[in-house]
Amino acid sequence: MSLGQDAPQLTPISKAPKRSFQEMFDESCCIVDPNDCGTDGIDFTEKLPDTTTFLSTPQPTDKLVETHKKLKRLAELIGEGKSLAIHTNYAKAPQKERNPIDEAKKRMRSIEIEQYNAWVAGAVMPTVDWKNSNKTVELPKAEKSHFKHQVHAIREIYPNSHITRKNAHWFIANFRYVMPLIEAVAMVRRVRWEYVCDQEGPSRIDLADQELTEMELAELETARSIIRITINTLQKRQRRLQLDATLREKHLSLETVMELTGADCEVIQKRVDRIHESAVRDKGTKCSKTKE
């Protein structure tokens, strides 16, 4: 090209639209609330890329400043409506190198893995008018337990925590080709549950927690662990201040750091309270519906 010629105009390359799940695996149908992210706005559906750097949680050996820095970021995460369990890589799991999704995939069929990967990659799911899509649920006793897991899986797939058993039964009847994905998501949820039970033991999970979903329980145990260790760190520092009055003079910002750490700990405690309140509220709703 000579100096006198105009530079060629570059046409911007537009991204190809995401393929629908239907295009990839068959079928079609009809409104989802994209803002519904589960318990009181906690986003349990977020899918982090493989390159994600997970956040560290407080450790018993951490110094106060380290604990403060970790708590500050974790409290900010809560302010963003994100899950502590997801962003700390399920810190309550006994073996942190274990990944619930990788472990679940080992138990899946190839079509389940294929559909799960497509969903994670953002394949567009069939649109459903949940208010007008119901089918009476009449199942043999042996199938009721598994159907409960399928309902939770469908709620996570969309995501919409208000999807009912009748909605789920209608969906399964009309979108049979999505069954491998439903089973795959149910499997991932089951492995996450196993992680928590491995750590706490079934006897350690109190009756109130039985009303929680697997993700809510993982969130609860992650938050409890963070709070427990942080409080121990603050108490140790407080005892040192009582034993050595000169520490306040040597470290002028010490009390400020302790106050800020305590405030962030309260933010995390509020998440624990909200999960419990949500469980009690949901339980009350179920009871009232049963009476009706």
C-alpha atoms as a PDB file:
ATOM      1  CA  MET A   1       0.000   0.000   0.000  1.00  0.00           C
ATOM      2  CA  SER A   2       1.418   3.428  -0.999  1.00  0.00           C
ATOM      3  CA  LEU A   3       1.590   6.373   1.411  1.00  0.00           C
ATOM      4  CA  GLY A   4      -1.137   8.190  -0.538  1.00  0.00           C
ATOM      5  CA  GLN A   5      -3.691   5.417  -0.178  1.00  0.00           C
ATOM      6  CA  ASP A   6      -6.314   5.421   2.512  1.00  0.00           C
ATOM      7  CA  ALA A   7      -5.896   2.786   5.181  1.00  0.00           C
ATOM      8  CA  PRO A   8      -8.315  -0.114   4.695  1.00  0.00           C
ATOM      9  CA  GLN A   9     -11.383   0.018   6.928  1.00  0.00           C
ATOM     10  CA  LEU A  10     -11.501  -2.878   9.362  1.00  0.00           C
ATOM     11  CA  THR A  11     -14.871  -4.472   9.882  1.00  0.00           C
ATOM     12  CA  PRO A  12     -15.371  -5.414  13.534  1.00  0.00           C
ATOM     13  CA  ILE A  13     -15.815  -9.115  14.062  1.00  0.00           C
ATOM     14  CA  SER A  14     -19.023  -9.806  15.918  1.00  0.00           C
ATOM     15  CA  LYS A  15     -19.161 -12.714  18.325  1.00  0.00           C
ATOM     16  CA  ALA A  16     -21.205 -15.660  17.221  1.00  0.00           C
ATOM     17  CA  PRO A  17     -24.395 -15.996  19.278  1.00  0.00           C
ATOM     18  CA  LYS A  18     -24.351 -18.731  21.889  1.00  0.00           C
ATOM     19  CA  ARG A  19     -25.932 -21.951  20.717  1.00  0.00           C
ATOM     20  CA  SER A  20     -29.061 -23.038  22.491  1.00  0.00           C
ATOM     21  CA  PHE A  21     -29.128 -26.246  24.497  1.00  0.00           C
ATOM     22  CA  GLN A  22     -31.978 -27.312  22.248  1.00  0.00           C
ATOM     23  CA  GLU A  23     -29.862 -26.919  19.099  1.00  0.00           C
ATOM     24  CA  MET A  24     -27.166 -29.077  20.611  1.00  0.00           C
ATOM     25  CA  PHE A  25     -29.287 -31.772  22.190  1.00  0.00           C
ATOM     26  CA  ASP A  26     -32.764 -31.541  20.513  1.00  0.00           C
ATOM     27  CA  GLU A  27     -36.233 -29.923  21.285  1.00  0.00           C
ATOM     28  CA  SER A  28     -37.852 -26.535  22.370  1.00  0.00           C
ATOM     29  CA  CYS A  29     -40.470 -24.518  24.568  1.00  0.00           C
ATOM     30  CA  CYS A  30     -41.215 -20.906  26.890  1.00  0.00           C
ATOM     31  CA  ILE A  31     -39.737 -17.157  31.178  1.00  0.00           C
ATOM     32  CA  VAL A  32     -37.113 -17.340  33.815  1.00  0.00           C
ATOM     33  CA  ASP A  33     -36.213 -14.808  36.434  1.00  0.00           C
ATOM     34  CA  PRO A  34     -32.485 -14.217  35.795  1.00  0.00           C
ATOM     35  CA  ASN A  35     -32.167 -12.287  39.050  1.00  0.00           C
ATOM     36  CA  ASP A  36     -33.184 -15.247  41.190  1.00  0.00           C
ATOM     37  CA  CYS A  37     -29.910 -16.556  42.580  1.00  0.00           C
ATOM     38  CA  GLY A  38     -31.118 -18.680  45.474  1.00  0.00           C
ATOM     39  CA  THR A  39     -31.099 -17.989  49.204  1.00  0.00           C
ATOM     40  CA  ASP A  40     -31.597 -14.266  49.827  1.00  0.00           C
ATOM     41  CA  GLY A  41     -29.543 -13.198  46.821  1.00  0.00           C
ATOM     42  CA  ILE A  42     -26.557 -15.526  47.309  1.00  0.00           C
ATOM     43  CA  ASP A  43     -25.339 -16.591  43.868  1.00  0.00           C
ATOM     44  CA  PHE A  44     -24.900 -20.358  44.170  1.00  0.00           C
ATOM     45  CA  THR A  45     -24.972 -20.747  40.370  1.00  0.00           C
ATOM     46  CA  GLU A  46     -21.737 -18.909  39.547  1.00  0.00           C
ATOM     47  CA  LYS A  47     -19.373 -20.988  37.434  1.00  0.00           C
ATOM     48  CA  LEU A  48     -15.752 -19.947  37.907  1.00  0.00           C
ATOM     49  CA  PRO A  49     -13.183 -20.433  35.113  1.00  0.00           C
ATOM     50  CA  ASP A  50     -10.379 -22.963  35.577  1.00  0.00           C
ATOM     51  CA  THR A  51      -7.878 -20.092  35.968  1.00  0.00           C
ATOM     52  CA  THR A  52      -9.646 -18.708  39.050  1.00  0.00           C
ATOM     53  CA  THR A  53      -7.486 -17.926  42.076  1.00  0.00           C
ATOM     54  CA  PHE A  54      -9.516 -18.986  45.086  1.00  0.00           C
ATOM     55  CA  LEU A  55      -9.641 -16.823  48.191  1.00  0.00           C
ATOM     56  CA  SER A  56      -7.834 -17.920  51.339  1.00  0.00           C
ATOM     57  CA  THR A  57      -9.702 -18.405  54.589  1.00  0.00           C
ATOM     58  CA  PRO A  58      -8.268 -17.559  58.031  1.00  0.00           C
ATOM     59  CA  GLN A  59      -6.023 -20.216  59.545  1.00  0.00           C
ATOM     60  CA  PRO A  60      -5.254 -20.788  63.255  1.00  0.00           C
ATOM     61  CA  THR A  61      -1.583 -19.946  62.596  1.00  0.00           C
ATOM     62  CA  ASP A  62      -2.326 -16.594  60.895  1.00  0.00           C
ATOM     63  CA  LYS A  63      -1.241 -13.354  62.508  1.00  0.00           C
ATOM     64  CA  LEU A  64      -3.892 -10.711  63.153  1.00  0.00           C
ATOM     65  CA  VAL A  65      -2.938  -8.649  60.086  1.00  0.00           C
ATOM     66  CA  GLU A  66      -3.206 -11.721  57.822  1.00  0.00           C
ATOM     67  CA  THR A  67      -6.602 -12.558  59.296  1.00  0.00           C
ATOM     68  CA  HIS A  68      -7.759  -8.967  58.791  1.00  0.00           C
ATOM     69  CA  LYS A  69      -6.747  -8.949  55.101  1.00  0.00           C
ATOM     70  CA  LYS A  70      -8.522 -12.246  54.438  1.00  0.00           C
ATOM     71  CA  LEU A  71     -11.666 -11.208  56.322  1.00  0.00           C
ATOM     72  CA  LYS A  72     -11.824  -7.901  54.445  1.00  0.00           C
ATOM     73  CA  ARG A  73     -11.905  -9.635  51.051  1.00  0.00           C
ATOM     74  CA  LEU A  74     -14.381 -12.282  52.232  1.00  0.00           C
ATOM     75  CA  ALA A  75     -16.710  -9.594  53.615  1.00  0.00           C
ATOM     76  CA  GLU A  76     -16.483  -7.732  50.281  1.00  0.00           C
ATOM     77  CA  LEU A  77     -17.434 -10.966  48.534  1.00  0.00           C
ATOM     78  CA  ILE A  78     -20.587 -11.182  50.643  1.00  0.00           C
ATOM     79  CA  GLY A  79     -21.381  -7.577  49.729  1.00  0.00           C
ATOM     80  CA  GLU A  80     -21.242  -8.647  46.076  1.00  0.00           C
ATOM     81  CA  GLY A  81     -23.796 -11.388  46.741  1.00  0.00           C
ATOM     82  CA  LYS A  82     -21.327 -14.170  45.968  1.00  0.00           C
ATOM     83  CA  SER A  83     -20.843 -17.533  47.646  1.00  0.00           C
ATOM     84  CA  LEU A  84     -18.067 -18.015  50.209  1.00  0.00           C
ATOM     85  CA  ALA A  85     -18.086 -21.765  49.580  1.00  0.00           C
ATOM     86  CA  ILE A  86     -17.581 -21.412  45.822  1.00  0.00           C
ATOM     87  CA  HIS A  87     -14.910 -18.694  46.017  1.00  0.00           C
ATOM     88  CA  THR A  88     -12.876 -20.523  48.685  1.00  0.00           C
ATOM     89  CA  ASN A  89     -13.029 -23.804  46.739  1.00  0.00           C
ATOM     90  CA  TYR A  90     -15.154 -25.439  49.436  1.00  0.00           C
ATOM     91  CA  ALA A  91     -12.648 -24.725  52.192  1.00  0.00           C
ATOM     92  CA  LYS A  92     -14.531 -27.021  54.572  1.00  0.00           C
ATOM     93  CA  ALA A  93     -13.733 -30.047  52.415  1.00  0.00           C
ATOM     94  CA  PRO A  94     -11.305 -32.386  54.219  1.00  0.00           C
ATOM     95  CA  GLN A  95      -9.024 -32.579  51.202  1.00  0.00           C
ATOM     96  CA  LYS A  96      -8.837 -29.166  49.591  1.00  0.00           C
ATOM     97  CA  GLU A  97      -7.192 -30.482  46.466  1.00  0.00           C
ATOM     98  CA  ARG A  98     -10.382 -32.375  45.681  1.00  0.00           C
ATOM     99  CA  ASN A  99     -12.696 -30.707  43.206  1.00  0.00           C
ATOM    100  CA  PRO A 100     -16.394 -31.635  43.518  1.00  0.00           C
ATOM    101  CA  ILE A 101     -17.036 -31.209  39.795  1.00  0.00           C
ATOM    102  CA  ASP A 102     -14.071 -33.347  38.714  1.00  0.00           C
ATOM    103  CA  GLU A 103     -15.057 -36.012  41.208  1.00  0.00           C
ATOM    104  CA  ALA A 104     -18.682 -35.952  40.072  1.00  0.00           C
ATOM    105  CA  LYS A 105     -17.660 -36.303  36.415  1.00  0.00           C
ATOM    106  CA  LYS A 106     -15.914 -39.568  37.237  1.00  0.00           C
ATOM    107  CA  ARG A 107     -19.347 -40.969  38.082  1.00  0.00           C
ATOM    108  CA  MET A 108     -21.151 -39.536  35.032  1.00  0.00           C
ATOM    109  CA  ARG A 109     -21.958 -41.071  31.658  1.00  0.00           C
ATOM    110  CA  SER A 110     -20.389 -39.433  28.604  1.00  0.00           C
ATOM    111  CA  ILE A 111     -23.662 -37.736  27.548  1.00  0.00           C
ATOM    112  CA  GLU A 112     -24.044 -36.313  31.076  1.00  0.00           C
ATOM    113  CA  ILE A 113     -20.541 -34.842  30.930  1.00  0.00           C
ATOM    114  CA  GLU A 114     -21.208 -33.455  27.439  1.00  0.00           C
ATOM    115  CA  GLN A 115     -24.433 -31.739  28.497  1.00  0.00           C
ATOM    116  CA  TYR A 116     -22.950 -30.478  31.783  1.00  0.00           C
ATOM    117  CA  ASN A 117     -20.009 -28.901  29.926  1.00  0.00           C
ATOM    118  CA  ALA A 118     -22.388 -27.287  27.417  1.00  0.00           C
ATOM    119  CA  TRP A 119     -24.477 -25.802  30.244  1.00  0.00           C
ATOM    120  CA  VAL A 120     -21.390 -24.487  32.051  1.00  0.00           C
ATOM    121  CA  ALA A 121     -20.195 -22.935  28.777  1.00  0.00           C
ATOM    122  CA  GLY A 122     -23.432 -20.944  28.576  1.00  0.00           C
ATOM    123  CA  ALA A 123     -25.673 -22.920  26.241  1.00  0.00           C
ATOM    124  CA  VAL A 124     -29.101 -21.249  26.174  1.00  0.00           C
ATOM    125  CA  MET A 125     -31.665 -23.402  27.960  1.00  0.00           C
ATOM    126  CA  PRO A 126     -35.263 -23.755  26.722  1.00  0.00           C
ATOM    127  CA  THR A 127     -37.458 -20.885  27.928  1.00  0.00           C
ATOM    128  CA  VAL A 128     -40.226 -21.954  30.289  1.00  0.00           C
ATOM    129  CA  ASP A 129     -43.321 -20.179  31.585  1.00  0.00           C
ATOM    130  CA  TRP A 130     -43.116 -21.725  35.048  1.00  0.00           C
ATOM    131  CA  LYS A 131     -46.410 -20.199  36.237  1.00  0.00           C
ATOM    132  CA  ASN A 132     -48.383 -22.088  33.616  1.00  0.00           C
ATOM    133  CA  SER A 133     -46.267 -25.234  33.313  1.00  0.00           C
ATOM    134  CA  ASN A 134     -47.448 -27.750  35.893  1.00  0.00           C
ATOM    135  CA  LYS A 135     -47.987 -31.480  36.002  1.00  0.00           C
ATOM    136  CA  THR A 136     -49.439 -33.376  38.947  1.00  0.00           C
ATOM    137  CA  VAL A 137     -46.779 -35.443  40.688  1.00  0.00           C
ATOM    138  CA  GLU A 138     -47.747 -39.046  41.353  1.00  0.00           C
ATOM    139  CA  LEU A 139     -44.646 -41.139  41.930  1.00  0.00           C
ATOM    140  CA  PRO A 140     -43.958 -44.518  43.522  1.00  0.00           C
ATOM    141  CA  LYS A 141     -42.472 -44.199  47.007  1.00  0.00           C
ATOM    142  CA  ALA A 142     -39.132 -45.562  45.764  1.00  0.00           C
ATOM    143  CA  GLU A 143     -38.765 -42.691  43.259  1.00  0.00           C
ATOM    144  CA  LYS A 144     -39.728 -39.772  45.540  1.00  0.00           C
ATOM    145  CA  SER A 145     -36.267 -39.296  47.061  1.00  0.00           C
ATOM    146  CA  HIS A 146     -34.500 -39.147  43.695  1.00  0.00           C
ATOM    147  CA  PHE A 147     -37.164 -36.824  42.279  1.00  0.00           C
ATOM    148  CA  LYS A 148     -36.429 -34.386  45.131  1.00  0.00           C
ATOM    149  CA  HIS A 149     -32.797 -34.216  43.925  1.00  0.00           C
ATOM    150  CA  GLN A 150     -33.991 -33.664  40.355  1.00  0.00           C
ATOM    151  CA  VAL A 151     -36.144 -30.714  41.483  1.00  0.00           C
ATOM    152  CA  HIS A 152     -33.137 -29.089  43.195  1.00  0.00           C
ATOM    153  CA  ALA A 153     -31.037 -29.706  40.068  1.00  0.00           C
ATOM    154  CA  ILE A 154     -33.581 -27.989  37.790  1.00  0.00           C
ATOM    155  CA  ARG A 155     -33.683 -25.013  40.179  1.00  0.00           C
ATOM    156  CA  GLU A 156     -29.904 -24.728  39.864  1.00  0.00           C
ATOM    157  CA  ILE A 157     -29.855 -25.161  36.084  1.00  0.00           C
ATOM    158  CA  TYR A 158     -32.092 -22.155  35.413  1.00  0.00           C
ATOM    159  CA  PRO A 159     -31.574 -20.750  38.199  1.00  0.00           C
ATOM    160  CA  ASN A 160     -34.902 -20.247  39.968  1.00  0.00           C
ATOM    161  CA  SER A 161     -35.474 -21.316  43.566  1.00  0.00           C
ATOM    162  CA  HIS A 162     -39.260 -20.989  43.126  1.00  0.00           C
ATOM    163  CA  ILE A 163     -39.589 -23.913  40.709  1.00  0.00           C
ATOM    164  CA  THR A 164     -42.072 -26.326  42.293  1.00  0.00           C
ATOM    165  CA  ARG A 165     -42.354 -30.112  42.207  1.00  0.00           C
ATOM    166  CA  LYS A 166     -45.205 -29.783  39.709  1.00  0.00           C
ATOM    167  CA  ASN A 167     -43.071 -27.486  37.524  1.00  0.00           C
ATOM    168  CA  ALA A 168     -40.218 -29.983  37.622  1.00  0.00           C
ATOM    169  CA  HIS A 169     -42.488 -32.919  36.799  1.00  0.00           C
ATOM    170  CA  TRP A 170     -43.883 -31.018  33.794  1.00  0.00           C
ATOM    171  CA  PHE A 171     -40.372 -30.055  32.662  1.00  0.00           C
ATOM    172  CA  ILE A 172     -39.067 -33.625  32.832  1.00  0.00           C
ATOM    173  CA  ALA A 173     -42.096 -34.893  30.907  1.00  0.00           C
ATOM    174  CA  ASN A 174     -41.677 -32.304  28.138  1.00  0.00           C
ATOM    175  CA  PHE A 175     -37.890 -32.059  27.873  1.00  0.00           C
ATOM    176  CA  ARG A 176     -36.657 -35.617  28.100  1.00  0.00           C
ATOM    177  CA  TYR A 177     -33.471 -34.752  26.235  1.00  0.00           C
ATOM    178  CA  VAL A 178     -32.378 -32.566  29.184  1.00  0.00           C
ATOM    179  CA  MET A 179     -32.420 -35.528  31.600  1.00  0.00           C
ATOM    180  CA  PRO A 180     -28.645 -36.180  31.303  1.00  0.00           C
ATOM    181  CA  LEU A 181     -27.980 -32.580  32.404  1.00  0.00           C
ATOM    182  CA  ILE A 182     -30.430 -32.877  35.311  1.00  0.00           C
ATOM    183  CA  GLU A 183     -28.706 -36.054  36.476  1.00  0.00           C
ATOM    184  CA  ALA A 184     -25.264 -34.453  36.052  1.00  0.00           C
ATOM    185  CA  VAL A 185     -26.155 -31.402  38.152  1.00  0.00           C
ATOM    186  CA  ALA A 186     -27.750 -33.659  40.765  1.00  0.00           C
ATOM    187  CA  MET A 187     -24.505 -35.646  40.881  1.00  0.00           C
ATOM    188  CA  VAL A 188     -22.393 -32.518  41.449  1.00  0.00           C
ATOM    189  CA  ARG A 189     -24.747 -31.451  44.240  1.00  0.00           C
ATOM    190  CA  ARG A 190     -24.476 -34.903  45.817  1.00  0.00           C
ATOM    191  CA  VAL A 191     -20.660 -34.781  45.809  1.00  0.00           C
ATOM    192  CA  ARG A 192     -20.711 -31.314  47.385  1.00  0.00           C
ATOM    193  CA  TRP A 193     -22.944 -32.724  50.121  1.00  0.00           C
ATOM    194  CA  GLU A 194     -20.519 -35.595  50.666  1.00  0.00           C
ATOM    195  CA  TYR A 195     -17.679 -33.095  51.120  1.00  0.00           C
ATOM    196  CA  VAL A 196     -19.495 -31.437  53.999  1.00  0.00           C
ATOM    197  CA  CYS A 197     -20.553 -34.736  55.573  1.00  0.00           C
ATOM    198  CA  ASP A 198     -16.991 -36.091  55.303  1.00  0.00           C
ATOM    199  CA  GLN A 199     -15.780 -33.123  57.316  1.00  0.00           C
ATOM    200  CA  GLU A 200     -18.567 -32.734  59.856  1.00  0.00           C
ATOM    201  CA  GLY A 201     -19.944 -36.257  60.093  1.00  0.00           C
ATOM    202  CA  PRO A 202     -23.705 -36.875  59.852  1.00  0.00           C
ATOM    203  CA  SER A 203     -24.074 -36.643  63.640  1.00  0.00           C
ATOM    204  CA  ARG A 204     -22.587 -33.125  63.659  1.00  0.00           C
ATOM    205  CA  ILE A 205     -25.179 -31.693  61.295  1.00  0.00           C
ATOM    206  CA  ASP A 206     -28.020 -30.473  63.521  1.00  0.00           C
ATOM    207  CA  LEU A 207     -31.658 -30.997  62.684  1.00  0.00           C
ATOM    208  CA  ALA A 208     -32.191 -27.403  61.576  1.00  0.00           C
ATOM    209  CA  ASP A 209     -29.585 -27.875  58.864  1.00  0.00           C
ATOM    210  CA  GLN A 210     -31.530 -30.793  57.404  1.00  0.00           C
ATOM    211  CA  GLU A 211     -33.868 -28.195  55.849  1.00  0.00           C
ATOM    212  CA  LEU A 212     -30.965 -26.651  53.895  1.00  0.00           C
ATOM    213  CA  THR A 213     -29.883 -27.459  50.360  1.00  0.00           C
ATOM    214  CA  GLU A 214     -26.407 -28.876  49.758  1.00  0.00           C
ATOM    215  CA  MET A 215     -25.063 -25.473  48.674  1.00  0.00           C
ATOM    216  CA  GLU A 216     -26.651 -23.677  51.627  1.00  0.00           C
ATOM    217  CA  LEU A 217     -25.085 -26.181  54.001  1.00  0.00           C
ATOM    218  CA  ALA A 218     -21.668 -25.800  52.354  1.00  0.00           C
ATOM    219  CA  GLU A 219     -22.021 -22.009  52.637  1.00  0.00           C
ATOM    220  CA  LEU A 220     -23.056 -22.288  56.273  1.00  0.00           C
ATOM    221  CA  GLU A 221     -20.140 -24.525  57.247  1.00  0.00           C
ATOM    222  CA  THR A 222     -17.638 -22.348  55.359  1.00  0.00           C
ATOM    223  CA  ALA A 223     -18.899 -19.223  57.140  1.00  0.00           C
ATOM    224  CA  ARG A 224     -18.927 -20.950  60.532  1.00  0.00           C
ATOM    225  CA  SER A 225     -15.335 -22.076  60.084  1.00  0.00           C
ATOM    226  CA  ILE A 226     -14.213 -18.551  59.146  1.00  0.00           C
ATOM    227  CA  ILE A 227     -16.003 -17.052  62.154  1.00  0.00           C
ATOM    228  CA  ARG A 228     -14.697 -19.663  64.605  1.00  0.00           C
ATOM    229  CA  ILE A 229     -11.048 -19.205  63.629  1.00  0.00           C
ATOM    230  CA  THR A 230     -11.325 -15.403  63.484  1.00  0.00           C
ATOM    231  CA  ILE A 231     -12.854 -15.197  66.959  1.00  0.00           C
ATOM    232  CA  ASN A 232     -10.078 -17.403  68.348  1.00  0.00           C
ATOM    233  CA  THR A 233      -7.455 -15.121  66.772  1.00  0.00           C
ATOM    234  CA  LEU A 234      -9.099 -11.997  68.221  1.00  0.00           C
ATOM    235  CA  GLN A 235      -9.404 -13.576  71.660  1.00  0.00           C
ATOM    236  CA  LYS A 236      -5.713 -14.541  71.682  1.00  0.00           C
ATOM    237  CA  ARG A 237      -4.731 -11.000  70.735  1.00  0.00           C
ATOM    238  CA  GLN A 238      -7.019  -9.573  73.418  1.00  0.00           C
ATOM    239  CA  ARG A 239      -5.399 -11.785  76.065  1.00  0.00           C
ATOM    240  CA  ARG A 240      -1.956 -10.605  74.979  1.00  0.00           C
ATOM    241  CA  LEU A 241      -3.079  -6.995  75.350  1.00  0.00           C
ATOM    242  CA  GLN A 242      -4.299  -7.739  78.859  1.00  0.00           C
ATOM    243  CA  LEU A 243      -0.996  -9.370  79.797  1.00  0.00           C
ATOM    244  CA  ASP A 244       1.219  -6.740  78.160  1.00  0.00           C
ATOM    245  CA  ALA A 245      -0.115  -3.177  78.318  1.00  0.00           C
ATOM    246  CA  THR A 246       2.880  -1.880  76.323  1.00  0.00           C
ATOM    247  CA  LEU A 247       1.590  -3.568  73.154  1.00  0.00           C
ATOM    248  CA  ARG A 248      -0.898  -0.737  72.609  1.00  0.00           C
ATOM    249  CA  GLU A 249       1.961   1.772  72.626  1.00  0.00           C
ATOM    250  CA  LYS A 250       4.175  -0.355  70.367  1.00  0.00           C
ATOM    251  CA  HIS A 251       1.405  -1.019  67.853  1.00  0.00           C
ATOM    252  CA  LEU A 252      -0.830   2.053  67.740  1.00  0.00           C
ATOM    253  CA  SER A 253      -3.099   0.640  65.022  1.00  0.00           C
ATOM    254  CA  LEU A 254      -3.601  -2.699  66.787  1.00  0.00           C
ATOM    255  CA  GLU A 255      -7.014  -1.941  68.276  1.00  0.00           C
ATOM    256  CA  THR A 256      -8.213  -0.422  64.996  1.00  0.00           C
ATOM    257  CA  VAL A 257      -7.265  -3.591  63.115  1.00  0.00           C
ATOM    258  CA  MET A 258      -9.045  -5.680  65.752  1.00  0.00           C
ATOM    259  CA  GLU A 259     -12.191  -3.562  65.435  1.00  0.00           C
ATOM    260  CA  LEU A 260     -12.179  -3.772  61.632  1.00  0.00           C
ATOM    261  CA  THR A 261     -11.644  -7.537  61.764  1.00  0.00           C
ATOM    262  CA  GLY A 262     -14.502  -7.874  64.238  1.00  0.00           C
ATOM    263  CA  ALA A 263     -16.774  -5.805  61.988  1.00  0.00           C
ATOM    264  CA  ASP A 264     -15.983  -8.008  58.969  1.00  0.00           C
ATOM    265  CA  CYS A 265     -16.637 -11.073  61.111  1.00  0.00           C
ATOM    266  CA  GLU A 266     -20.091  -9.665  61.893  1.00  0.00           C
ATOM    267  CA  VAL A 267     -20.781  -9.353  58.153  1.00  0.00           C
ATOM    268  CA  ILE A 268     -20.056 -13.068  57.754  1.00  0.00           C
ATOM    269  CA  GLN A 269     -22.191 -13.878  60.809  1.00  0.00           C
ATOM    270  CA  LYS A 270     -25.093 -12.049  59.152  1.00  0.00           C
ATOM    271  CA  ARG A 271     -24.831 -14.441  56.208  1.00  0.00           C
ATOM    272  CA  VAL A 272     -25.140 -17.376  58.624  1.00  0.00           C
ATOM    273  CA  ASP A 273     -28.204 -15.735  60.183  1.00  0.00           C
ATOM    274  CA  ARG A 274     -29.794 -15.085  56.786  1.00  0.00           C
ATOM    275  CA  ILE A 275     -29.374 -18.701  55.691  1.00  0.00           C
ATOM    276  CA  HIS A 276     -31.023 -19.917  58.897  1.00  0.00           C
ATOM    277  CA  GLU A 277     -33.829 -17.360  58.578  1.00  0.00           C
ATOM    278  CA  SER A 278     -34.422 -18.430  54.982  1.00  0.00           C
ATOM    279  CA  ALA A 279     -34.591 -22.098  56.016  1.00  0.00           C
ATOM    280  CA  VAL A 280     -37.096 -21.335  58.790  1.00  0.00           C
ATOM    281  CA  ARG A 281     -39.175 -19.196  56.421  1.00  0.00           C
ATOM    282  CA  ASP A 282     -39.201 -21.885  53.731  1.00  0.00           C
ATOM    283  CA  LYS A 283     -40.112 -24.516  56.305  1.00  0.00           C
ATOM    284  CA  GLY A 284     -43.016 -22.363  57.491  1.00  0.00           C
ATOM    285  CA  THR A 285     -44.223 -21.920  53.918  1.00  0.00           C
ATOM    286  CA  LYS A 286     -44.101 -25.671  53.314  1.00  0.00           C
ATOM    287  CA  CYS A 287     -46.039 -26.338  56.536  1.00  0.00           C
ATOM    288  CA  SER A 288     -48.774 -23.832  55.636  1.00  0.00           C
ATOM    289  CA  LYS A 289     -49.121 -25.329  52.156  1.00  0.00           C
ATOM    290  CA  THR A 290     -49.384 -28.814  53.681  1.00  0.00           C
ATOM    291  CA  LYS A 291     -52.224 -27.651  55.965  1.00  0.00           C
ATOM    292  CA  GLU A 292     -54.039 -26.174  52.990  1.00  0.00           C
END
